[in-house]
C-alpha atoms as a PDB file:
ATOM      1  CA  MET A   1       0.099  -0.156   0.064  1.00  0.00           C
ATOM      2  CA  THR A   2       1.552   3.300  -1.173  1.00  0.00           C
ATOM      3  CA  GLU A   3      -1.078   5.669  -0.772  1.00  0.00           C
ATOM      4  CA  LYS A   4      -1.812   5.938   3.479  1.00  0.00           C
ATOM      5  CA  LYS A   5      -5.634   6.325   3.382  1.00  0.00           C
ATOM      6  CA  LEU A   6      -7.802   5.167   6.000  1.00  0.00           C
ATOM      7  CA  VAL A   7     -11.539   5.326   6.530  1.00  0.00           C
ATOM      8  CA  LEU A   8     -12.792   6.009  10.008  1.00  0.00           C
ATOM      9  CA  ALA A   9     -15.885   4.037  10.771  1.00  0.00           C
ATOM     10  CA  SER A  10     -17.570   7.124  12.559  1.00  0.00           C
ATOM     11  CA  ASN A  11     -18.986  10.491  11.644  1.00  0.00           C
ATOM     12  CA  ASN A  12     -18.138  12.014  15.152  1.00  0.00           C
ATOM     13  CA  ALA A  13     -16.344  15.277  14.451  1.00  0.00           C
ATOM     14  CA  GLY A  14     -14.625  14.959  17.666  1.00  0.00           C
ATOM     15  CA  LYS A  15     -13.230  11.612  16.957  1.00  0.00           C
ATOM     16  CA  LEU A  16     -12.299  12.632  13.573  1.00  0.00           C
ATOM     17  CA  ARG A  17     -10.078  15.340  14.973  1.00  0.00           C
ATOM     18  CA  GLU A  18      -8.317  13.233  17.604  1.00  0.00           C
ATOM     19  CA  PHE A  19      -7.457  10.471  15.026  1.00  0.00           C
ATOM     20  CA  ARG A  20      -6.417  13.067  12.408  1.00  0.00           C
ATOM     21  CA  ALA A  21      -3.921  14.520  15.079  1.00  0.00           C
ATOM     22  CA  MET A  22      -2.589  11.364  15.833  1.00  0.00           C
ATOM     23  CA  PHE A  23      -2.158   9.692  12.307  1.00  0.00           C
ATOM     24  CA  ALA A  24      -1.172  12.962  10.272  1.00  0.00           C
ATOM     25  CA  PRO A  25       2.509  12.884  11.239  1.00  0.00           C
ATOM     26  CA  MET A  26       2.687   9.547   9.945  1.00  0.00           C
ATOM     27  CA  GLY A  27       1.327  10.800   6.499  1.00  0.00           C
ATOM     28  CA  VAL A  28      -2.062   9.097   6.773  1.00  0.00           C
ATOM     29  CA  THR A  29      -5.045  10.670   5.602  1.00  0.00           C
ATOM     30  CA  VAL A  30      -8.219   9.755   7.791  1.00  0.00           C
ATOM     31  CA  LEU A  31     -11.476  10.066   5.993  1.00  0.00           C
ATOM     32  CA  PRO A  32     -14.743  10.122   7.795  1.00  0.00           C
ATOM     33  CA  GLN A  33     -17.065   7.300   6.443  1.00  0.00           C
ATOM     34  CA  GLY A  34     -19.987   9.584   5.700  1.00  0.00           C
ATOM     35  CA  GLU A  35     -17.815  11.394   3.088  1.00  0.00           C
ATOM     36  CA  LEU A  36     -17.715   8.305   1.266  1.00  0.00           C
ATOM     37  CA  GLY A  37     -21.310   7.264   1.598  1.00  0.00           C
ATOM     38  CA  VAL A  38     -20.837   4.528   3.929  1.00  0.00           C
ATOM     39  CA  SER A  39     -24.043   3.419   5.493  1.00  0.00           C
ATOM     40  CA  GLU A  40     -24.145   2.877   9.501  1.00  0.00           C
ATOM     41  CA  CYS A  41     -23.275  -0.298  10.433  1.00  0.00           C
ATOM     42  CA  ALA A  42     -25.318  -2.379  12.965  1.00  0.00           C
ATOM     43  CA  GLU A  43     -23.603  -3.263  16.469  1.00  0.00           C
ATOM     44  CA  PRO A  44     -25.427  -6.014  17.840  1.00  0.00           C
ATOM     45  CA  PHE A  45     -22.663  -7.587  19.885  1.00  0.00           C
ATOM     46  CA  GLU A  46     -22.135  -7.628  23.510  1.00  0.00           C
ATOM     47  CA  THR A  47     -18.389  -6.914  23.394  1.00  0.00           C
ATOM     48  CA  PHE A  48     -16.473  -3.714  22.136  1.00  0.00           C
ATOM     49  CA  ILE A  49     -14.047  -6.017  19.909  1.00  0.00           C
ATOM     50  CA  GLU A  50     -16.802  -7.375  18.078  1.00  0.00           C
ATOM     51  CA  ASN A  51     -18.724  -4.363  17.338  1.00  0.00           C
ATOM     52  CA  CYS A  52     -15.449  -2.461  16.428  1.00  0.00           C
ATOM     53  CA  LEU A  53     -14.344  -5.410  13.879  1.00  0.00           C
ATOM     54  CA  ALA A  54     -17.922  -5.498  12.281  1.00  0.00           C
ATOM     55  CA  LYS A  55     -17.815  -1.515  11.609  1.00  0.00           C
ATOM     56  CA  ALA A  56     -14.224  -1.636  10.422  1.00  0.00           C
ATOM     57  CA  ARG A  57     -15.052  -4.660   8.035  1.00  0.00           C
ATOM     58  CA  HIS A  58     -18.284  -2.861   6.889  1.00  0.00           C
ATOM     59  CA  ALA A  59     -16.307   0.377   5.938  1.00  0.00           C
ATOM     60  CA  ALA A  60     -13.638  -1.486   4.346  1.00  0.00           C
ATOM     61  CA  ARG A  61     -16.186  -3.318   2.120  1.00  0.00           C
ATOM     62  CA  GLU A  62     -18.341  -0.480   1.286  1.00  0.00           C
ATOM     63  CA  THR A  63     -14.974   1.907   0.177  1.00  0.00           C
ATOM     64  CA  GLY A  64     -12.412  -0.654  -0.840  1.00  0.00           C
ATOM     65  CA  LEU A  65      -9.931   1.053   1.431  1.00  0.00           C
ATOM     66  CA  PRO A  66      -8.208   0.386   4.785  1.00  0.00           C
ATOM     67  CA  ALA A  67     -10.761   1.230   7.492  1.00  0.00           C
ATOM     68  CA  MET A  68     -10.442   1.764  11.381  1.00  0.00           C
ATOM     69  CA  ALA A  69     -13.193   1.648  14.013  1.00  0.00           C
ATOM     70  CA  ASP A  70     -13.195   2.441  17.615  1.00  0.00           C
ATOM     71  CA  ASP A  71     -15.852   1.317  20.290  1.00  0.00           C
ATOM     72  CA  SER A  72     -15.702   2.760  23.704  1.00  0.00           C
ATOM     73  CA  GLY A  73     -17.692   3.193  26.854  1.00  0.00           C
ATOM     74  CA  VAL A  74     -17.699   3.121  30.664  1.00  0.00           C
ATOM     75  CA  CYS A  75     -17.503   0.164  32.717  1.00  0.00           C
ATOM     76  CA  VAL A  76     -18.905   0.009  36.423  1.00  0.00           C
ATOM     77  CA  ASP A  77     -17.326  -2.820  38.682  1.00  0.00           C
ATOM     78  CA  ALA A  78     -20.428  -2.772  40.789  1.00  0.00           C
ATOM     79  CA  LEU A  79     -22.854  -3.348  37.777  1.00  0.00           C
ATOM     80  CA  GLY A  80     -20.831  -6.090  36.342  1.00  0.00           C
ATOM     81  CA  GLY A  81     -19.264  -3.899  33.780  1.00  0.00           C
ATOM     82  CA  LEU A  82     -22.451  -1.998  32.611  1.00  0.00           C
ATOM     83  CA  PRO A  83     -23.058   0.109  30.836  1.00  0.00           C
ATOM     84  CA  GLY A  84     -20.076  -1.019  28.832  1.00  0.00           C
ATOM     85  CA  VAL A  85     -21.041  -1.360  24.969  1.00  0.00           C
ATOM     86  CA  HIS A  86     -24.316   0.276  25.993  1.00  0.00           C
ATOM     87  CA  SER A  87     -22.871   3.442  27.505  1.00  0.00           C
ATOM     88  CA  ALA A  88     -24.341   5.664  24.398  1.00  0.00           C
ATOM     89  CA  ARG A  89     -27.812   4.167  24.880  1.00  0.00           C
ATOM     90  CA  PHE A  90     -27.880   3.174  28.203  1.00  0.00           C
ATOM     91  CA  ALA A  91     -31.195   4.918  29.069  1.00  0.00           C
ATOM     92  CA  GLY A  92     -32.525   3.913  25.719  1.00  0.00           C
ATOM     93  CA  GLU A  93     -33.426   5.954  22.443  1.00  0.00           C
ATOM     94  CA  PRO A  94     -33.126   8.890  21.829  1.00  0.00           C
ATOM     95  CA  LYS A  95     -29.616   8.695  23.106  1.00  0.00           C
ATOM     96  CA  SER A  96     -29.136  11.410  25.849  1.00  0.00           C
ATOM     97  CA  ASP A  97     -26.124  11.975  27.982  1.00  0.00           C
ATOM     98  CA  ASP A  98     -28.258  13.282  30.835  1.00  0.00           C
ATOM     99  CA  ALA A  99     -30.544  10.211  30.940  1.00  0.00           C
ATOM    100  CA  ASN A 100     -27.713   7.939  30.819  1.00  0.00           C
ATOM    101  CA  ASN A 101     -26.012   9.650  33.723  1.00  0.00           C
ATOM    102  CA  ARG A 102     -29.362   9.708  35.662  1.00  0.00           C
ATOM    103  CA  LEU A 103     -29.692   6.149  35.347  1.00  0.00           C
ATOM    104  CA  LEU A 104     -26.176   5.368  36.153  1.00  0.00           C
ATOM    105  CA  ILE A 105     -26.264   7.100  39.352  1.00  0.00           C
ATOM    106  CA  GLU A 106     -29.525   5.599  40.333  1.00  0.00           C
ATOM    107  CA  LYS A 107     -28.155   2.126  39.613  1.00  0.00           C
ATOM    108  CA  LEU A 108     -25.369   3.133  42.103  1.00  0.00           C
ATOM    109  CA  LYS A 109     -27.264   3.985  44.953  1.00  0.00           C
ATOM    110  CA  GLY A 110     -26.489   2.561  47.906  1.00  0.00           C
ATOM    111  CA  LYS A 111     -23.526   0.793  46.632  1.00  0.00           C
ATOM    112  CA  THR A 112     -20.019   1.278  48.170  1.00  0.00           C
ATOM    113  CA  ASP A 113     -17.952   0.429  45.291  1.00  0.00           C
ATOM    114  CA  ARG A 114     -17.769   3.152  42.968  1.00  0.00           C
ATOM    115  CA  ARG A 115     -14.835   1.960  40.820  1.00  0.00           C
ATOM    116  CA  ALA A 116     -15.211   2.454  37.130  1.00  0.00           C
ATOM    117  CA  HIS A 117     -13.246   2.480  34.116  1.00  0.00           C
ATOM    118  CA  TYR A 118     -13.358   3.765  30.542  1.00  0.00           C
ATOM    119  CA  THR A 119     -12.348   1.384  27.749  1.00  0.00           C
ATOM    120  CA  CYS A 120     -11.332   2.082  24.239  1.00  0.00           C
ATOM    121  CA  VAL A 121     -10.821  -0.595  21.619  1.00  0.00           C
ATOM    122  CA  LEU A 122      -9.658   0.325  18.089  1.00  0.00           C
ATOM    123  CA  VAL A 123      -9.297  -2.179  15.132  1.00  0.00           C
ATOM    124  CA  ALA A 124      -7.945  -1.678  11.942  1.00  0.00           C
ATOM    125  CA  VAL A 125      -8.308  -3.858   8.713  1.00  0.00           C
ATOM    126  CA  ARG A 126      -6.507  -3.734   5.291  1.00  0.00           C
ATOM    127  CA  HIS A 127      -9.543  -5.005   3.632  1.00  0.00           C
ATOM    128  CA  PRO A 128     -12.811  -6.479   4.640  1.00  0.00           C
ATOM    129  CA  ASP A 129     -11.561 -10.063   4.864  1.00  0.00           C
ATOM    130  CA  ASP A 130      -8.397  -9.063   6.584  1.00  0.00           C
ATOM    131  CA  PRO A 131      -7.146 -12.295   8.679  1.00  0.00           C
ATOM    132  CA  GLU A 132      -4.804 -10.019  10.708  1.00  0.00           C
ATOM    133  CA  PRO A 133      -6.774  -7.029  12.143  1.00  0.00           C
ATOM    134  CA  LEU A 134      -4.912  -4.748  14.065  1.00  0.00           C
ATOM    135  CA  VAL A 135      -6.379  -4.353  17.518  1.00  0.00           C
ATOM    136  CA  ALA A 136      -5.323  -1.575  20.328  1.00  0.00           C
ATOM    137  CA  TYR A 137      -6.729  -1.134  23.701  1.00  0.00           C
ATOM    138  CA  GLY A 138      -6.685   1.617  26.103  1.00  0.00           C
ATOM    139  CA  PHE A 139      -7.976   1.953  29.635  1.00  0.00           C
ATOM    140  CA  TRP A 140      -8.722   4.772  31.962  1.00  0.00           C
ATOM    141  CA  GLU A 141      -8.995   4.141  35.584  1.00  0.00           C
ATOM    142  CA  GLY A 142     -11.553   6.228  37.905  1.00  0.00           C
ATOM    143  CA  GLU A 143     -14.653   6.091  39.848  1.00  0.00           C
ATOM    144  CA  ILE A 144     -18.175   7.345  39.563  1.00  0.00           C
ATOM    145  CA  GLN A 145     -19.213  10.312  41.774  1.00  0.00           C
ATOM    146  CA  GLU A 146     -22.632  11.382  42.750  1.00  0.00           C
ATOM    147  CA  THR A 147     -22.565  14.816  41.473  1.00  0.00           C
ATOM    148  CA  PRO A 148     -21.463  16.138  38.310  1.00  0.00           C
ATOM    149  CA  GLU A 149     -18.340  18.419  38.015  1.00  0.00           C
ATOM    150  CA  GLY A 150     -16.769  20.226  35.080  1.00  0.00           C
ATOM    151  CA  GLU A 151     -17.724  21.985  32.000  1.00  0.00           C
ATOM    152  CA  GLY A 152     -15.590  19.923  29.396  1.00  0.00           C
ATOM    153  CA  GLY A 153     -15.797  16.559  27.942  1.00  0.00           C
ATOM    154  CA  PHE A 154     -19.240  14.625  26.960  1.00  0.00           C
ATOM    155  CA  GLY A 155     -20.800  11.483  28.120  1.00  0.00           C
ATOM    156  CA  TYR A 156     -20.026  10.319  31.622  1.00  0.00           C
ATOM    157  CA  ASP A 157     -17.307  12.880  32.072  1.00  0.00           C
ATOM    158  CA  PRO A 158     -18.763  15.081  34.513  1.00  0.00           C
ATOM    159  CA  TYR A 159     -19.475  12.127  37.045  1.00  0.00           C
ATOM    160  CA  PHE A 160     -15.985  10.193  36.098  1.00  0.00           C
ATOM    161  CA  TYR A 161     -13.676  11.154  38.744  1.00  0.00           C
ATOM    162  CA  VAL A 162      -9.908  10.474  38.220  1.00  0.00           C
ATOM    163  CA  PRO A 163      -8.132   9.912  41.582  1.00  0.00           C
ATOM    164  CA  ALA A 164      -4.684  10.344  39.933  1.00  0.00           C
ATOM    165  CA  CYS A 165      -5.783  14.096  38.829  1.00  0.00           C
ATOM    166  CA  GLY A 166      -8.052  14.849  41.773  1.00  0.00           C
ATOM    167  CA  LYS A 167     -10.628  16.025  39.302  1.00  0.00           C
ATOM    168  CA  THR A 168     -13.412  14.860  36.908  1.00  0.00           C
ATOM    169  CA  ALA A 169     -12.700  13.906  33.391  1.00  0.00           C
ATOM    170  CA  ALA A 170     -14.974  17.009  32.545  1.00  0.00           C
ATOM    171  CA  SER A 171     -12.683  19.210  34.671  1.00  0.00           C
ATOM    172  CA  LEU A 172      -9.474  18.358  32.593  1.00  0.00           C
ATOM    173  CA  SER A 173      -8.253  20.456  29.645  1.00  0.00           C
ATOM    174  CA  ALA A 174      -8.671  18.583  26.190  1.00  0.00           C
ATOM    175  CA  GLU A 175      -4.845  18.437  26.284  1.00  0.00           C
ATOM    176  CA  GLU A 176      -4.614  16.636  29.656  1.00  0.00           C
ATOM    177  CA  LYS A 177      -7.677  14.354  28.402  1.00  0.00           C
ATOM    178  CA  ASN A 178      -5.809  13.233  25.368  1.00  0.00           C
ATOM    179  CA  ARG A 179      -2.645  12.472  27.400  1.00  0.00           C
ATOM    180  CA  LEU A 180      -4.559  10.600  30.070  1.00  0.00           C
ATOM    181  CA  SER A 181      -7.713   9.048  28.434  1.00  0.00           C
ATOM    182  CA  HIS A 182      -8.401   5.696  27.145  1.00  0.00           C
ATOM    183  CA  ARG A 183      -8.728   6.920  23.621  1.00  0.00           C
ATOM    184  CA  GLY A 184      -5.555   8.466  23.605  1.00  0.00           C
ATOM    185  CA  ALA A 185      -3.819   5.387  25.052  1.00  0.00           C
ATOM    186  CA  ALA A 186      -5.450   3.300  22.165  1.00  0.00           C
ATOM    187  CA  LEU A 187      -4.377   5.558  19.640  1.00  0.00           C
ATOM    188  CA  ARG A 188      -0.842   5.657  20.653  1.00  0.00           C
ATOM    189  CA  GLU A 189      -0.552   1.861  20.843  1.00  0.00           C
ATOM    190  CA  MET A 190      -2.381   1.756  17.356  1.00  0.00           C
ATOM    191  CA  ALA A 191      -0.089   4.374  15.689  1.00  0.00           C
ATOM    192  CA  ALA A 192       2.826   2.027  16.924  1.00  0.00           C
ATOM    193  CA  LEU A 193       1.005  -1.223  15.364  1.00  0.00           C
ATOM    194  CA  LEU A 194       0.384   0.733  12.030  1.00  0.00           C
ATOM    195  CA  ALA A 195       4.054   1.468  11.814  1.00  0.00           C
ATOM    196  CA  LYS A 196       5.144  -2.252  12.825  1.00  0.00           C
ATOM    197  CA  ARG A 197       2.826  -4.205  10.885  1.00  0.00           C
ATOM    198  CA  TRP A 198       1.695  -2.052   7.988  1.00  0.00           C
ATOM    199  CA  GLY A 199       4.976  -0.287   7.637  1.00  0.00           C
ATOM    200  CA  TRP A 200       2.777   3.152   7.996  1.00  0.00           C
ATOM    201  CA  ALA A 201       5.815   4.734   9.811  1.00  0.00           C
END
């Protein structure tokens, strides 16, 4: 592969910015799937890795280009890993950060174990039937606090307290969050894999 083009199996503007910032120094052009007319892919699975692989293969199949997908969410120990892959729609449709957070706090009432972590899984495939997808994981440890704090971030960030920083994810600057977050860790690992396995250095 001479031209380093990668389809991102997402139309999320924030994610697109993060991916472009990470891979631009490697000479990789990241294209959002919507720009190439890729339809939304179903995510019927109960694990991040399976949903991720389905999205990456789907985008590669519809574009004929290498593709990358990410799936991420918050996993709460006391809830057996929930919301997990259902993080974005924990409280049902239409998806709402406020409703999801209310439901999470409600389910944690009376529980002393507030430990949680964000998980991010990234999968890259050279083509739809790639037998060797690249897989990168990132984790971010924290705990769920009762009251929201901070103006930044999205999703569960106002309630996700990071003991190492002494504040919530929503109280961190964008730079701090990129350095510490699950997605930042997974992106750095994926950049190394692309260089090592695909020669995209």
